[in-house]
Amino acid sequence: MTSISSSSDIQAWLVEWVKERNPDVEPSPRENYYDAGLVDSFGIIELIEEIEHTFDIMFDDDDFTLREFRTIEGLSRLIHQKQAAAAQ
């Protein structure tokens, strides 16, 4: 059974992940992290792999086209939803 993390815990994890790679930046949860240059194409792959491993979820191709996937706030909700669905 998958343990479900709170959206705020997930969001904090994502902010920390971005800050580790951009130490001089305080990422905004509502900002498009890709457009802001906080994550590049290789970073997205690394982020996806770490999220799937850390939160015990799997993304599908459709997830990557969602507006929620582009911000820390939206991504945290998406991860939380996937965890909840997996736990059912």
C-alpha atoms as a PDB file:
ATOM      1  CA  MET A   1       0.000   0.000   0.000  1.00  0.00           C
ATOM      2  CA  THR A   2       1.247   3.483  -0.886  1.00  0.00           C
ATOM      3  CA  SER A   3       1.576   6.022   1.913  1.00  0.00           C
ATOM      4  CA  ILE A   4      -0.085   9.261   0.927  1.00  0.00           C
ATOM      5  CA  SER A   5       1.846  12.485   1.444  1.00  0.00           C
ATOM      6  CA  SER A   6       0.049  15.758   2.068  1.00  0.00           C
ATOM      7  CA  SER A   7       0.035  18.280  -0.763  1.00  0.00           C
ATOM      8  CA  SER A   8       1.994  20.704   1.421  1.00  0.00           C
ATOM      9  CA  ASP A   9       4.692  18.084   2.138  1.00  0.00           C
ATOM     10  CA  ILE A  10       4.928  17.299  -1.570  1.00  0.00           C
ATOM     11  CA  GLN A  11       5.119  20.989  -2.426  1.00  0.00           C
ATOM     12  CA  ALA A  12       7.900  21.502   0.141  1.00  0.00           C
ATOM     13  CA  TRP A  13       9.813  18.549  -1.363  1.00  0.00           C
ATOM     14  CA  LEU A  14       9.455  20.034  -4.868  1.00  0.00           C
ATOM     15  CA  VAL A  15      10.576  23.502  -3.726  1.00  0.00           C
ATOM     16  CA  GLU A  16      13.620  21.957  -2.057  1.00  0.00           C
ATOM     17  CA  TRP A  17      14.404  19.928  -5.191  1.00  0.00           C
ATOM     18  CA  VAL A  18      14.336  23.081  -7.335  1.00  0.00           C
ATOM     19  CA  LYS A  19      16.351  25.089  -4.774  1.00  0.00           C
ATOM     20  CA  GLU A  20      19.071  22.430  -4.655  1.00  0.00           C
ATOM     21  CA  ARG A  21      19.608  22.990  -8.382  1.00  0.00           C
ATOM     22  CA  ASN A  22      19.100  26.774  -8.234  1.00  0.00           C
ATOM     23  CA  PRO A  23      20.525  27.911  -4.876  1.00  0.00           C
ATOM     24  CA  ASP A  24      20.134  31.628  -5.589  1.00  0.00           C
ATOM     25  CA  VAL A  25      16.419  31.352  -6.396  1.00  0.00           C
ATOM     26  CA  GLU A  26      13.324  31.125  -4.224  1.00  0.00           C
ATOM     27  CA  PRO A  27      10.904  29.298  -6.539  1.00  0.00           C
ATOM     28  CA  SER A  28       7.307  30.418  -6.578  1.00  0.00           C
ATOM     29  CA  PRO A  29       4.855  27.510  -6.359  1.00  0.00           C
ATOM     30  CA  ARG A  30       2.681  29.109  -9.059  1.00  0.00           C
ATOM     31  CA  GLU A  31       5.478  29.961 -11.478  1.00  0.00           C
ATOM     32  CA  ASN A  32       6.090  27.818 -14.548  1.00  0.00           C
ATOM     33  CA  TYR A  33       9.424  26.341 -13.481  1.00  0.00           C
ATOM     34  CA  TYR A  34      10.380  25.310 -17.011  1.00  0.00           C
ATOM     35  CA  ASP A  35       9.685  28.746 -18.554  1.00  0.00           C
ATOM     36  CA  ALA A  36      11.554  30.384 -15.659  1.00  0.00           C
ATOM     37  CA  GLY A  37      14.637  28.349 -16.553  1.00  0.00           C
ATOM     38  CA  LEU A  38      14.686  26.553 -13.205  1.00  0.00           C
ATOM     39  CA  VAL A  39      14.510  23.130 -14.863  1.00  0.00           C
ATOM     40  CA  ASP A  40      15.845  22.233 -18.305  1.00  0.00           C
ATOM     41  CA  SER A  41      14.953  19.250 -20.489  1.00  0.00           C
ATOM     42  CA  PHE A  42      17.407  16.961 -18.698  1.00  0.00           C
ATOM     43  CA  GLY A  43      16.213  18.279 -15.345  1.00  0.00           C
ATOM     44  CA  ILE A  44      12.621  17.386 -16.206  1.00  0.00           C
ATOM     45  CA  ILE A  45      13.661  13.791 -16.795  1.00  0.00           C
ATOM     46  CA  GLU A  46      15.555  13.729 -13.506  1.00  0.00           C
ATOM     47  CA  LEU A  47      12.606  15.332 -11.693  1.00  0.00           C
ATOM     48  CA  ILE A  48      10.135  12.816 -13.095  1.00  0.00           C
ATOM     49  CA  GLU A  49      12.335   9.886 -12.099  1.00  0.00           C
ATOM     50  CA  GLU A  50      12.852  11.220  -8.577  1.00  0.00           C
ATOM     51  CA  ILE A  51       9.149  11.964  -8.096  1.00  0.00           C
ATOM     52  CA  GLU A  52       8.136   8.496  -9.269  1.00  0.00           C
ATOM     53  CA  HIS A  53      10.666   6.875  -6.943  1.00  0.00           C
ATOM     54  CA  THR A  54      10.095   9.132  -3.912  1.00  0.00           C
ATOM     55  CA  PHE A  55       6.302   9.169  -4.026  1.00  0.00           C
ATOM     56  CA  ASP A  56       5.797   5.672  -5.453  1.00  0.00           C
ATOM     57  CA  ILE A  57       3.719   6.798  -8.439  1.00  0.00           C
ATOM     58  CA  MET A  58       3.946   6.520 -12.220  1.00  0.00           C
ATOM     59  CA  PHE A  59       3.198   9.299 -14.656  1.00  0.00           C
ATOM     60  CA  ASP A  60       1.652   8.547 -18.018  1.00  0.00           C
ATOM     61  CA  ASP A  61       2.194  10.516 -21.222  1.00  0.00           C
ATOM     62  CA  ASP A  62      -1.014  12.515 -20.758  1.00  0.00           C
ATOM     63  CA  ASP A  63       0.215  13.878 -17.423  1.00  0.00           C
ATOM     64  CA  PHE A  64       3.032  15.763 -19.112  1.00  0.00           C
ATOM     65  CA  THR A  65       0.591  17.841 -21.173  1.00  0.00           C
ATOM     66  CA  LEU A  66      -1.470  18.969 -18.180  1.00  0.00           C
ATOM     67  CA  ARG A  67      -1.228  22.601 -17.100  1.00  0.00           C
ATOM     68  CA  GLU A  68      -0.762  21.356 -13.516  1.00  0.00           C
ATOM     69  CA  PHE A  69       2.492  19.674 -14.489  1.00  0.00           C
ATOM     70  CA  ARG A  70       4.129  23.057 -15.185  1.00  0.00           C
ATOM     71  CA  THR A  71       4.092  24.500 -11.662  1.00  0.00           C
ATOM     72  CA  ILE A  72       5.189  23.258  -8.266  1.00  0.00           C
ATOM     73  CA  GLU A  73       1.718  23.878  -6.864  1.00  0.00           C
ATOM     74  CA  GLY A  74      -0.032  21.992  -9.664  1.00  0.00           C
ATOM     75  CA  LEU A  75       2.503  19.188  -9.701  1.00  0.00           C
ATOM     76  CA  SER A  76       2.102  18.663  -5.961  1.00  0.00           C
ATOM     77  CA  ARG A  77      -1.673  18.288  -6.409  1.00  0.00           C
ATOM     78  CA  LEU A  78      -1.147  15.866  -9.295  1.00  0.00           C
ATOM     79  CA  ILE A  79       1.251  13.730  -7.237  1.00  0.00           C
ATOM     80  CA  HIS A  80      -1.161  13.735  -4.293  1.00  0.00           C
ATOM     81  CA  GLN A  81      -4.048  12.671  -6.569  1.00  0.00           C
ATOM     82  CA  LYS A  82      -1.968   9.846  -8.047  1.00  0.00           C
ATOM     83  CA  GLN A  83      -1.008   8.611  -4.588  1.00  0.00           C
ATOM     84  CA  ALA A  84      -4.635   8.674  -3.456  1.00  0.00           C
ATOM     85  CA  ALA A  85      -5.764   6.792  -6.585  1.00  0.00           C
ATOM     86  CA  ALA A  86      -3.036   4.166  -6.096  1.00  0.00           C
ATOM     87  CA  ALA A  87      -4.054   3.651  -2.470  1.00  0.00           C
ATOM     88  CA  GLN A  88      -7.636   2.770  -3.396  1.00  0.00           C
END
